[in-house]
Amino acid sequence: MKYLRSALLSAVTVPLILFGTACVPQDTASSAAPPSEAQGQTPAQAGTALEQLGSIPIKGRAPKTGYSREEFGPAWADVDRNGCDTRNDILARDLTEETFKPGTKDCVVATGTFADPYTGTVIRFVRGNTTSTAVQIDHVVALSDAWQKGAQQLTAEERRQLANDPLNLFAADGPANGAKSDSDAATWLPSNKAFRCEYVARQTAVKAEYRLWMTQAEHDAIATVLGSCPDEPVPAREGTAPRTVPAGEVPNTPEGPGSPTPVYANCTAVKAAGAAPIRPGDPGWDPKFDGDGDGVGCTS
């Protein structure tokens, strides 16, 4: 999905419409009613994010007890089994003019141009120990927020899918992603106001997909944004940019197409399995194995 690239590039210079947010200082458990009905307005149109918002339960935020990133599986797993980890899948999807590191089977993005949806700025991405963080991969619904709003009750596999789901992932400006942290829509919205409708629609779709809830303040903030764009559609589920398998090459899985992808806890496990050195695109690859950022893991 090359989402809104031309619109985002225009957004750098075109005046934007300002949207407000409203926070209600209460967190009572209830079932969500469609915002338009609650306000006595025309009911939300079918297939819109505003209609979907009406299906999201409203409850208080649960304690963060027990949360850790590991509860959502290994960081950037190859969930879609295309041979590339999720981070590079999203970079390949969201950047233009991208190039790939040689020897990685077009998995590791080396350079590219990025139109950041959160700030409306254009960033030149260059892979490296001190430069890669300029473009980060954001969980639209932060994992700790998800944990406190229903993800504790999901299975481990469902949480792994949530953490790697392209529906819940955007490449984003590093500082903007850091400022967002684990905030929901009640406390953080993109500074690029032209993108806010799509952003909250994506959050709503993710919460609907994974049976998560919202707080009252979060629900009201999203309703306010969508009130300015009532025709904003429910985001289409689009995958990441698929890697083209060269003619005659068997997809890179241990026993061929459709076989399970191994999961290695650390380099000791990689070496014990005889899989070292391991590279992006190899079965069981995880970016944590590449400590020096040279595209090859578990070499020492």
C-alpha atoms as a PDB file:
ATOM      1  CA  MET A   1       0.000   0.000   0.000  1.00  0.00           C
ATOM      2  CA  LYS A   2       1.513   3.285  -1.075  1.00  0.00           C
ATOM      3  CA  TYR A   3      -1.033   5.127   1.071  1.00  0.00           C
ATOM      4  CA  LEU A   4      -1.683   8.822   0.594  1.00  0.00           C
ATOM      5  CA  ARG A   5       1.814   9.426  -0.741  1.00  0.00           C
ATOM      6  CA  SER A   6       0.827  12.144  -3.180  1.00  0.00           C
ATOM      7  CA  ALA A   7      -1.618  13.624  -0.676  1.00  0.00           C
ATOM      8  CA  LEU A   8       1.013  13.610   2.034  1.00  0.00           C
ATOM      9  CA  LEU A   9       3.564  15.303  -0.169  1.00  0.00           C
ATOM     10  CA  SER A  10       0.958  17.979  -0.911  1.00  0.00           C
ATOM     11  CA  ALA A  11       0.145  18.284   2.766  1.00  0.00           C
ATOM     12  CA  VAL A  12       3.592  19.751   3.346  1.00  0.00           C
ATOM     13  CA  THR A  13       2.522  22.979   1.640  1.00  0.00           C
ATOM     14  CA  VAL A  14      -1.269  22.979   1.554  1.00  0.00           C
ATOM     15  CA  PRO A  15      -3.157  24.523   4.511  1.00  0.00           C
ATOM     16  CA  LEU A  16      -4.843  21.893   6.610  1.00  0.00           C
ATOM     17  CA  ILE A  17      -8.267  21.757   8.227  1.00  0.00           C
ATOM     18  CA  LEU A  18      -8.059  21.775  11.990  1.00  0.00           C
ATOM     19  CA  PHE A  19      -9.879  19.129  13.958  1.00  0.00           C
ATOM     20  CA  GLY A  20     -10.495  19.354  17.677  1.00  0.00           C
ATOM     21  CA  THR A  21     -10.454  16.576  20.228  1.00  0.00           C
ATOM     22  CA  ALA A  22     -12.637  16.215  23.264  1.00  0.00           C
ATOM     23  CA  CYS A  23     -11.861  14.229  26.355  1.00  0.00           C
ATOM     24  CA  VAL A  24     -14.530  13.193  28.832  1.00  0.00           C
ATOM     25  CA  PRO A  25     -13.053  12.749  32.320  1.00  0.00           C
ATOM     26  CA  GLN A  26     -14.768   9.484  33.140  1.00  0.00           C
ATOM     27  CA  ASP A  27     -14.202   5.811  32.428  1.00  0.00           C
ATOM     28  CA  THR A  28     -17.458   3.990  32.946  1.00  0.00           C
ATOM     29  CA  ALA A  29     -18.073   0.509  31.542  1.00  0.00           C
ATOM     30  CA  SER A  30     -20.865   0.404  28.997  1.00  0.00           C
ATOM     31  CA  SER A  31     -21.702  -0.658  25.477  1.00  0.00           C
ATOM     32  CA  ALA A  32     -20.877   1.920  22.833  1.00  0.00           C
ATOM     33  CA  ALA A  33     -23.755   3.530  20.974  1.00  0.00           C
ATOM     34  CA  PRO A  34     -23.110   4.951  17.517  1.00  0.00           C
ATOM     35  CA  PRO A  35     -21.977   8.562  18.068  1.00  0.00           C
ATOM     36  CA  SER A  36     -24.442   9.924  15.507  1.00  0.00           C
ATOM     37  CA  GLU A  37     -27.375   8.291  17.293  1.00  0.00           C
ATOM     38  CA  ALA A  38     -26.191   9.517  20.679  1.00  0.00           C
ATOM     39  CA  GLN A  39     -26.053  13.070  19.327  1.00  0.00           C
ATOM     40  CA  GLY A  40     -29.441  12.814  17.582  1.00  0.00           C
ATOM     41  CA  GLN A  41     -27.881  13.097  14.150  1.00  0.00           C
ATOM     42  CA  THR A  42     -28.346  11.040  10.993  1.00  0.00           C
ATOM     43  CA  PRO A  43     -27.121   7.479  11.633  1.00  0.00           C
ATOM     44  CA  ALA A  44     -23.615   6.698  10.409  1.00  0.00           C
ATOM     45  CA  GLN A  45     -23.408   5.309   6.903  1.00  0.00           C
ATOM     46  CA  ALA A  46     -22.723   1.595   6.467  1.00  0.00           C
ATOM     47  CA  GLY A  47     -19.098   0.736   5.873  1.00  0.00           C
ATOM     48  CA  THR A  48     -17.743   3.866   7.523  1.00  0.00           C
ATOM     49  CA  ALA A  49     -15.337   4.113  10.417  1.00  0.00           C
ATOM     50  CA  LEU A  50     -17.981   6.087  12.303  1.00  0.00           C
ATOM     51  CA  GLU A  51     -20.374   3.146  12.058  1.00  0.00           C
ATOM     52  CA  GLN A  52     -17.653   0.730  13.161  1.00  0.00           C
ATOM     53  CA  LEU A  53     -16.839   2.963  16.122  1.00  0.00           C
ATOM     54  CA  GLY A  54     -20.359   2.322  17.388  1.00  0.00           C
ATOM     55  CA  SER A  55     -19.557  -1.391  17.704  1.00  0.00           C
ATOM     56  CA  ILE A  56     -16.562  -0.912  20.015  1.00  0.00           C
ATOM     57  CA  PRO A  57     -17.292  -1.557  23.721  1.00  0.00           C
ATOM     58  CA  ILE A  58     -16.464   1.215  26.209  1.00  0.00           C
ATOM     59  CA  LYS A  59     -14.820   0.124  29.454  1.00  0.00           C
ATOM     60  CA  GLY A  60     -12.262   1.340  31.934  1.00  0.00           C
ATOM     61  CA  ARG A  61      -8.562   0.763  31.364  1.00  0.00           C
ATOM     62  CA  ALA A  62      -7.374  -2.489  32.987  1.00  0.00           C
ATOM     63  CA  PRO A  63      -4.144  -2.564  35.030  1.00  0.00           C
ATOM     64  CA  LYS A  64      -0.907  -2.923  33.096  1.00  0.00           C
ATOM     65  CA  THR A  65       0.103  -5.789  35.390  1.00  0.00           C
ATOM     66  CA  GLY A  66       1.897  -8.572  33.525  1.00  0.00           C
ATOM     67  CA  TYR A  67       2.592  -6.566  30.381  1.00  0.00           C
ATOM     68  CA  SER A  68       5.827  -7.048  28.475  1.00  0.00           C
ATOM     69  CA  ARG A  69       6.706  -6.839  24.795  1.00  0.00           C
ATOM     70  CA  GLU A  70       7.388 -10.591  24.874  1.00  0.00           C
ATOM     71  CA  GLU A  71       3.676 -11.231  25.507  1.00  0.00           C
ATOM     72  CA  PHE A  72       3.212 -10.328  21.823  1.00  0.00           C
ATOM     73  CA  GLY A  73       5.859 -12.712  20.520  1.00  0.00           C
ATOM     74  CA  PRO A  74       9.287 -12.060  19.004  1.00  0.00           C
ATOM     75  CA  ALA A  75       9.763  -8.566  17.636  1.00  0.00           C
ATOM     76  CA  TRP A  76       9.087  -8.383  13.900  1.00  0.00           C
ATOM     77  CA  ALA A  77       8.420 -12.040  13.212  1.00  0.00           C
ATOM     78  CA  ASP A  78       7.863 -13.274   9.666  1.00  0.00           C
ATOM     79  CA  VAL A  79       4.161 -13.912  10.232  1.00  0.00           C
ATOM     80  CA  ASP A  80       3.200 -13.921   6.551  1.00  0.00           C
ATOM     81  CA  ARG A  81       6.045 -16.345   5.701  1.00  0.00           C
ATOM     82  CA  ASN A  82       7.285 -14.319   2.779  1.00  0.00           C
ATOM     83  CA  GLY A  83      10.866 -14.720   4.020  1.00  0.00           C
ATOM     84  CA  CYS A  84      11.180 -11.118   5.282  1.00  0.00           C
ATOM     85  CA  ASP A  85      10.649  -9.786   8.804  1.00  0.00           C
ATOM     86  CA  THR A  86       7.723  -7.458   9.462  1.00  0.00           C
ATOM     87  CA  ARG A  87       9.811  -4.296   9.924  1.00  0.00           C
ATOM     88  CA  ASN A  88      11.307  -4.594   6.449  1.00  0.00           C
ATOM     89  CA  ASP A  89       7.932  -5.586   4.996  1.00  0.00           C
ATOM     90  CA  ILE A  90       6.437  -2.318   6.260  1.00  0.00           C
ATOM     91  CA  LEU A  91       9.397  -0.240   5.109  1.00  0.00           C
ATOM     92  CA  ALA A  92       9.076  -1.779   1.637  1.00  0.00           C
ATOM     93  CA  ARG A  93       5.345  -1.052   1.667  1.00  0.00           C
ATOM     94  CA  ASP A  94       5.494   2.546   2.896  1.00  0.00           C
ATOM     95  CA  LEU A  95       8.671   3.898   1.272  1.00  0.00           C
ATOM     96  CA  THR A  96       9.170   4.817  -2.365  1.00  0.00           C
ATOM     97  CA  GLU A  97      12.315   4.568  -4.484  1.00  0.00           C
ATOM     98  CA  GLU A  98      13.548   1.922  -2.079  1.00  0.00           C
ATOM     99  CA  THR A  99      16.734  -0.063  -2.578  1.00  0.00           C
ATOM    100  CA  PHE A 100      17.664  -3.295  -0.840  1.00  0.00           C
ATOM    101  CA  LYS A 101      20.826  -4.542   0.775  1.00  0.00           C
ATOM    102  CA  PRO A 102      22.593  -6.972  -1.570  1.00  0.00           C
ATOM    103  CA  GLY A 103      22.418 -10.628  -0.592  1.00  0.00           C
ATOM    104  CA  THR A 104      19.178 -10.296   1.406  1.00  0.00           C
ATOM    105  CA  LYS A 105      16.786 -11.467  -1.334  1.00  0.00           C
ATOM    106  CA  ASP A 106      15.206  -7.992  -1.486  1.00  0.00           C
ATOM    107  CA  CYS A 107      14.283  -8.113   2.207  1.00  0.00           C
ATOM    108  CA  VAL A 108      16.463  -5.559   3.993  1.00  0.00           C
ATOM    109  CA  VAL A 109      15.564  -2.025   2.876  1.00  0.00           C
ATOM    110  CA  ALA A 110      18.755  -0.001   2.481  1.00  0.00           C
ATOM    111  CA  THR A 111      17.445   3.390   1.340  1.00  0.00           C
ATOM    112  CA  GLY A 112      14.196   5.036   0.325  1.00  0.00           C
ATOM    113  CA  THR A 113      12.043   8.142   0.363  1.00  0.00           C
ATOM    114  CA  PHE A 114       9.413   8.372   3.065  1.00  0.00           C
ATOM    115  CA  ALA A 115       6.390  10.685   3.145  1.00  0.00           C
ATOM    116  CA  ASP A 116       5.612  10.602   6.853  1.00  0.00           C
ATOM    117  CA  PRO A 117       1.856  10.533   7.506  1.00  0.00           C
ATOM    118  CA  TYR A 118       2.194  11.726  11.106  1.00  0.00           C
ATOM    119  CA  THR A 119       4.032  14.979  10.400  1.00  0.00           C
ATOM    120  CA  GLY A 120       3.469  15.545   6.670  1.00  0.00           C
ATOM    121  CA  THR A 121       7.217  15.807   6.082  1.00  0.00           C
ATOM    122  CA  VAL A 122       9.434  13.919   3.649  1.00  0.00           C
ATOM    123  CA  ILE A 123      12.348  11.921   5.072  1.00  0.00           C
ATOM    124  CA  ARG A 124      15.245  10.280   3.286  1.00  0.00           C
ATOM    125  CA  PHE A 125      15.724   6.839   4.857  1.00  0.00           C
ATOM    126  CA  VAL A 126      19.241   5.408   5.011  1.00  0.00           C
ATOM    127  CA  ARG A 127      19.833   2.142   6.857  1.00  0.00           C
ATOM    128  CA  GLY A 128      22.575   2.319   9.488  1.00  0.00           C
ATOM    129  CA  ASN A 129      23.306   2.150  13.199  1.00  0.00           C
ATOM    130  CA  THR A 130      22.801   5.902  13.636  1.00  0.00           C
ATOM    131  CA  THR A 131      20.310   6.604  10.839  1.00  0.00           C
ATOM    132  CA  SER A 132      17.711   3.813  10.812  1.00  0.00           C
ATOM    133  CA  THR A 133      15.825   5.268  13.774  1.00  0.00           C
ATOM    134  CA  ALA A 134      14.802   8.288  11.680  1.00  0.00           C
ATOM    135  CA  VAL A 135      12.017   6.060  10.350  1.00  0.00           C
ATOM    136  CA  GLN A 136      10.423   3.715  12.852  1.00  0.00           C
ATOM    137  CA  ILE A 137       7.540   1.246  12.676  1.00  0.00           C
ATOM    138  CA  ASP A 138       4.633   2.332  14.846  1.00  0.00           C
ATOM    139  CA  HIS A 139       1.914   0.126  16.282  1.00  0.00           C
ATOM    140  CA  VAL A 140      -1.149   2.251  15.543  1.00  0.00           C
ATOM    141  CA  VAL A 141      -2.781   0.690  18.597  1.00  0.00           C
ATOM    142  CA  ALA A 142       0.151   0.548  20.990  1.00  0.00           C
ATOM    143  CA  LEU A 143       0.751  -2.916  22.407  1.00  0.00           C
ATOM    144  CA  SER A 144       0.611  -1.781  26.030  1.00  0.00           C
ATOM    145  CA  ASP A 145      -2.650   0.048  25.284  1.00  0.00           C
ATOM    146  CA  ALA A 146      -3.995  -3.123  23.697  1.00  0.00           C
ATOM    147  CA  TRP A 147      -2.875  -5.118  26.750  1.00  0.00           C
ATOM    148  CA  GLN A 148      -4.928  -2.863  29.034  1.00  0.00           C
ATOM    149  CA  LYS A 149      -7.988  -2.998  26.764  1.00  0.00           C
ATOM    150  CA  GLY A 150      -8.544  -6.663  26.129  1.00  0.00           C
ATOM    151  CA  ALA A 151      -5.365  -8.200  24.702  1.00  0.00           C
ATOM    152  CA  GLN A 152      -4.672  -9.982  27.984  1.00  0.00           C
ATOM    153  CA  GLN A 153      -7.610 -12.186  27.071  1.00  0.00           C
ATOM    154  CA  LEU A 154      -6.309 -13.045  23.587  1.00  0.00           C
ATOM    155  CA  THR A 155      -4.309 -16.158  22.852  1.00  0.00           C
ATOM    156  CA  ALA A 156      -0.542 -15.871  22.449  1.00  0.00           C
ATOM    157  CA  GLU A 157      -0.929 -16.417  18.704  1.00  0.00           C
ATOM    158  CA  GLU A 158      -3.580 -13.701  18.418  1.00  0.00           C
ATOM    159  CA  ARG A 159      -1.272 -11.268  20.223  1.00  0.00           C
ATOM    160  CA  ARG A 160       1.587 -12.216  17.864  1.00  0.00           C
ATOM    161  CA  GLN A 161      -0.676 -11.534  14.903  1.00  0.00           C
ATOM    162  CA  LEU A 162      -1.739  -8.175  16.391  1.00  0.00           C
ATOM    163  CA  ALA A 163       1.889  -7.103  16.832  1.00  0.00           C
ATOM    164  CA  ASN A 164       2.738  -7.942  13.209  1.00  0.00           C
ATOM    165  CA  ASP A 165      -0.531  -7.097  11.480  1.00  0.00           C
ATOM    166  CA  PRO A 166      -0.038  -4.592   8.594  1.00  0.00           C
ATOM    167  CA  LEU A 167      -3.410  -3.134   9.557  1.00  0.00           C
ATOM    168  CA  ASN A 168      -1.825  -2.030  12.844  1.00  0.00           C
ATOM    169  CA  LEU A 169       1.499  -0.806  11.460  1.00  0.00           C
ATOM    170  CA  PHE A 170       2.729   2.403   9.867  1.00  0.00           C
ATOM    171  CA  ALA A 171       6.222   3.592   9.125  1.00  0.00           C
ATOM    172  CA  ALA A 172       6.548   6.856  11.039  1.00  0.00           C
ATOM    173  CA  ASP A 173       8.903   9.702  11.837  1.00  0.00           C
ATOM    174  CA  GLY A 174      11.066   8.558  14.756  1.00  0.00           C
ATOM    175  CA  PRO A 175      10.548  11.580  17.054  1.00  0.00           C
ATOM    176  CA  ALA A 176       6.792  11.583  16.360  1.00  0.00           C
ATOM    177  CA  ASN A 177       6.592   7.893  17.196  1.00  0.00           C
ATOM    178  CA  GLY A 178       8.518   8.529  20.392  1.00  0.00           C
ATOM    179  CA  ALA A 179       6.161  11.337  21.364  1.00  0.00           C
ATOM    180  CA  LYS A 180       3.171   9.092  20.810  1.00  0.00           C
ATOM    181  CA  SER A 181       4.642   6.262  22.898  1.00  0.00           C
ATOM    182  CA  ASP A 182       1.718   4.131  24.137  1.00  0.00           C
ATOM    183  CA  SER A 183      -0.904   6.897  23.996  1.00  0.00           C
ATOM    184  CA  ASP A 184      -4.416   6.403  22.681  1.00  0.00           C
ATOM    185  CA  ALA A 185      -6.405   8.991  20.703  1.00  0.00           C
ATOM    186  CA  ALA A 186      -7.505  10.783  23.866  1.00  0.00           C
ATOM    187  CA  THR A 187      -3.958  11.966  24.568  1.00  0.00           C
ATOM    188  CA  TRP A 188      -2.147  11.924  21.193  1.00  0.00           C
ATOM    189  CA  LEU A 189      -3.077  12.584  17.570  1.00  0.00           C
ATOM    190  CA  PRO A 190      -0.763  13.174  14.591  1.00  0.00           C
ATOM    191  CA  SER A 191       0.346  16.762  14.112  1.00  0.00           C
ATOM    192  CA  ASN A 192      -0.561  16.332  10.434  1.00  0.00           C
ATOM    193  CA  LYS A 193      -4.260  17.041  10.866  1.00  0.00           C
ATOM    194  CA  ALA A 194      -5.019  15.952   7.313  1.00  0.00           C
ATOM    195  CA  PHE A 195      -4.136  12.403   8.359  1.00  0.00           C
ATOM    196  CA  ARG A 196      -6.160  12.214  11.573  1.00  0.00           C
ATOM    197  CA  CYS A 197      -9.290  10.719  10.000  1.00  0.00           C
ATOM    198  CA  GLU A 198      -7.379   7.801   8.504  1.00  0.00           C
ATOM    199  CA  TYR A 199      -5.361   7.394  11.700  1.00  0.00           C
ATOM    200  CA  VAL A 200      -8.347   7.030  14.051  1.00  0.00           C
ATOM    201  CA  ALA A 201     -10.192   4.907  11.488  1.00  0.00           C
ATOM    202  CA  ARG A 202      -7.227   2.536  11.549  1.00  0.00           C
ATOM    203  CA  GLN A 203      -7.240   2.422  15.359  1.00  0.00           C
ATOM    204  CA  THR A 204     -10.958   1.661  15.337  1.00  0.00           C
ATOM    205  CA  ALA A 205     -10.538  -1.118  12.767  1.00  0.00           C
ATOM    206  CA  VAL A 206      -7.741  -2.759  14.758  1.00  0.00           C
ATOM    207  CA  LYS A 207      -9.766  -2.716  17.964  1.00  0.00           C
ATOM    208  CA  ALA A 208     -12.742  -4.206  16.157  1.00  0.00           C
ATOM    209  CA  GLU A 209     -10.580  -6.892  14.536  1.00  0.00           C
ATOM    210  CA  TYR A 210      -9.034  -8.032  17.831  1.00  0.00           C
ATOM    211  CA  ARG A 211     -12.063  -7.536  20.097  1.00  0.00           C
ATOM    212  CA  LEU A 212     -10.457  -4.728  22.100  1.00  0.00           C
ATOM    213  CA  TRP A 213     -12.307  -1.938  23.857  1.00  0.00           C
ATOM    214  CA  MET A 214     -11.901   1.820  24.288  1.00  0.00           C
ATOM    215  CA  THR A 215     -12.126   4.131  27.248  1.00  0.00           C
ATOM    216  CA  GLN A 216     -14.840   6.781  27.181  1.00  0.00           C
ATOM    217  CA  ALA A 217     -12.292   9.547  26.611  1.00  0.00           C
ATOM    218  CA  GLU A 218     -10.681   7.652  23.743  1.00  0.00           C
ATOM    219  CA  HIS A 219     -14.048   6.908  22.141  1.00  0.00           C
ATOM    220  CA  ASP A 220     -15.124  10.546  22.372  1.00  0.00           C
ATOM    221  CA  ALA A 221     -11.844  11.816  20.904  1.00  0.00           C
ATOM    222  CA  ILE A 222     -12.204   9.472  17.916  1.00  0.00           C
ATOM    223  CA  ALA A 223     -15.874  10.412  17.491  1.00  0.00           C
ATOM    224  CA  THR A 224     -14.898  14.087  17.369  1.00  0.00           C
ATOM    225  CA  VAL A 225     -12.322  13.481  14.650  1.00  0.00           C
ATOM    226  CA  LEU A 226     -14.633  11.272  12.588  1.00  0.00           C
ATOM    227  CA  GLY A 227     -17.416  13.824  12.994  1.00  0.00           C
ATOM    228  CA  SER A 228     -15.469  16.020  10.575  1.00  0.00           C
ATOM    229  CA  CYS A 229     -15.135  13.179   8.043  1.00  0.00           C
ATOM    230  CA  PRO A 230     -18.265  10.997   8.503  1.00  0.00           C
ATOM    231  CA  ASP A 231     -17.668   9.245   5.174  1.00  0.00           C
ATOM    232  CA  GLU A 232     -14.196   7.983   6.169  1.00  0.00           C
ATOM    233  CA  PRO A 233     -14.331   4.293   5.197  1.00  0.00           C
ATOM    234  CA  VAL A 234     -13.305   1.315   7.287  1.00  0.00           C
ATOM    235  CA  PRO A 235      -9.688   0.717   6.193  1.00  0.00           C
ATOM    236  CA  ALA A 236      -9.289  -2.051   3.641  1.00  0.00           C
ATOM    237  CA  ARG A 237      -7.130  -4.918   4.770  1.00  0.00           C
ATOM    238  CA  GLU A 238      -4.068  -4.732   2.580  1.00  0.00           C
ATOM    239  CA  GLY A 239      -0.983  -6.845   3.015  1.00  0.00           C
ATOM    240  CA  THR A 240       2.647  -5.841   2.882  1.00  0.00           C
ATOM    241  CA  ALA A 241       4.601  -5.636  -0.313  1.00  0.00           C
ATOM    242  CA  PRO A 242       5.120  -9.275  -1.315  1.00  0.00           C
ATOM    243  CA  ARG A 243       8.625 -10.413  -2.184  1.00  0.00           C
ATOM    244  CA  THR A 244       8.825 -11.696  -5.731  1.00  0.00           C
ATOM    245  CA  VAL A 245      10.247 -15.216  -5.699  1.00  0.00           C
ATOM    246  CA  PRO A 246      12.577 -15.647  -8.672  1.00  0.00           C
ATOM    247  CA  ALA A 247      11.657 -18.336 -11.184  1.00  0.00           C
ATOM    248  CA  GLY A 248      12.774 -21.753 -10.012  1.00  0.00           C
ATOM    249  CA  GLU A 249      13.354 -20.673  -6.405  1.00  0.00           C
ATOM    250  CA  VAL A 250      11.491 -22.509  -3.657  1.00  0.00           C
ATOM    251  CA  PRO A 251      10.059 -20.162  -0.959  1.00  0.00           C
ATOM    252  CA  ASN A 252      12.519 -19.953   1.889  1.00  0.00           C
ATOM    253  CA  THR A 253      11.015 -22.293   4.483  1.00  0.00           C
ATOM    254  CA  PRO A 254      12.625 -25.315   6.181  1.00  0.00           C
ATOM    255  CA  GLU A 255      10.741 -28.052   4.345  1.00  0.00           C
ATOM    256  CA  GLY A 256       9.352 -26.069   1.424  1.00  0.00           C
ATOM    257  CA  PRO A 257       6.116 -24.156   0.907  1.00  0.00           C
ATOM    258  CA  GLY A 258       3.661 -24.058   3.794  1.00  0.00           C
ATOM    259  CA  SER A 259       5.986 -25.506   6.427  1.00  0.00           C
ATOM    260  CA  PRO A 260       6.244 -23.921   9.897  1.00  0.00           C
ATOM    261  CA  THR A 261       8.825 -21.200  10.434  1.00  0.00           C
ATOM    262  CA  PRO A 262      11.189 -21.948  13.332  1.00  0.00           C
ATOM    263  CA  VAL A 263      11.451 -19.490  16.221  1.00  0.00           C
ATOM    264  CA  TYR A 264      14.877 -19.132  17.862  1.00  0.00           C
ATOM    265  CA  ALA A 265      15.142 -17.574  21.303  1.00  0.00           C
ATOM    266  CA  ASN A 266      18.718 -16.403  20.793  1.00  0.00           C
ATOM    267  CA  CYS A 267      21.901 -16.991  18.797  1.00  0.00           C
ATOM    268  CA  THR A 268      22.744 -20.023  20.917  1.00  0.00           C
ATOM    269  CA  ALA A 269      19.571 -21.667  19.620  1.00  0.00           C
ATOM    270  CA  VAL A 270      20.357 -20.572  16.059  1.00  0.00           C
ATOM    271  CA  LYS A 271      23.803 -22.156  16.250  1.00  0.00           C
ATOM    272  CA  ALA A 272      22.483 -25.301  17.902  1.00  0.00           C
ATOM    273  CA  ALA A 273      20.110 -25.730  14.966  1.00  0.00           C
ATOM    274  CA  GLY A 274      22.958 -25.299  12.515  1.00  0.00           C
ATOM    275  CA  ALA A 275      21.342 -22.162  11.093  1.00  0.00           C
ATOM    276  CA  ALA A 276      24.186 -19.698  11.787  1.00  0.00           C
ATOM    277  CA  PRO A 277      25.077 -17.342  10.296  1.00  0.00           C
ATOM    278  CA  ILE A 278      21.476 -16.270   9.771  1.00  0.00           C
ATOM    279  CA  ARG A 279      20.280 -13.547   7.399  1.00  0.00           C
ATOM    280  CA  PRO A 280      17.025 -11.715   6.648  1.00  0.00           C
ATOM    281  CA  GLY A 281      14.885 -14.078   4.600  1.00  0.00           C
ATOM    282  CA  ASP A 282      16.259 -17.200   6.311  1.00  0.00           C
ATOM    283  CA  PRO A 283      13.778 -19.312   8.317  1.00  0.00           C
ATOM    284  CA  GLY A 284      13.598 -18.066  11.899  1.00  0.00           C
ATOM    285  CA  TRP A 285      15.317 -14.735  11.195  1.00  0.00           C
ATOM    286  CA  ASP A 286      14.778 -12.037  13.827  1.00  0.00           C
ATOM    287  CA  PRO A 287      16.373  -8.553  13.701  1.00  0.00           C
ATOM    288  CA  LYS A 288      17.667  -9.042  17.270  1.00  0.00           C
ATOM    289  CA  PHE A 289      20.273 -11.447  15.842  1.00  0.00           C
ATOM    290  CA  ASP A 290      21.921  -8.603  13.883  1.00  0.00           C
ATOM    291  CA  GLY A 291      23.463  -6.597  16.692  1.00  0.00           C
ATOM    292  CA  ASP A 292      25.899  -4.687  14.504  1.00  0.00           C
ATOM    293  CA  GLY A 293      23.421  -3.916  11.715  1.00  0.00           C
ATOM    294  CA  ASP A 294      25.455  -5.553   8.935  1.00  0.00           C
ATOM    295  CA  GLY A 295      22.601  -7.760   7.698  1.00  0.00           C
ATOM    296  CA  VAL A 296      24.096 -10.998   9.048  1.00  0.00           C
ATOM    297  CA  GLY A 297      23.233 -12.443  12.462  1.00  0.00           C
ATOM    298  CA  CYS A 298      24.852 -14.792  14.959  1.00  0.00           C
ATOM    299  CA  THR A 299      28.327 -14.527  13.463  1.00  0.00           C
ATOM    300  CA  SER A 300      30.261 -14.511  16.748  1.00  0.00           C
END
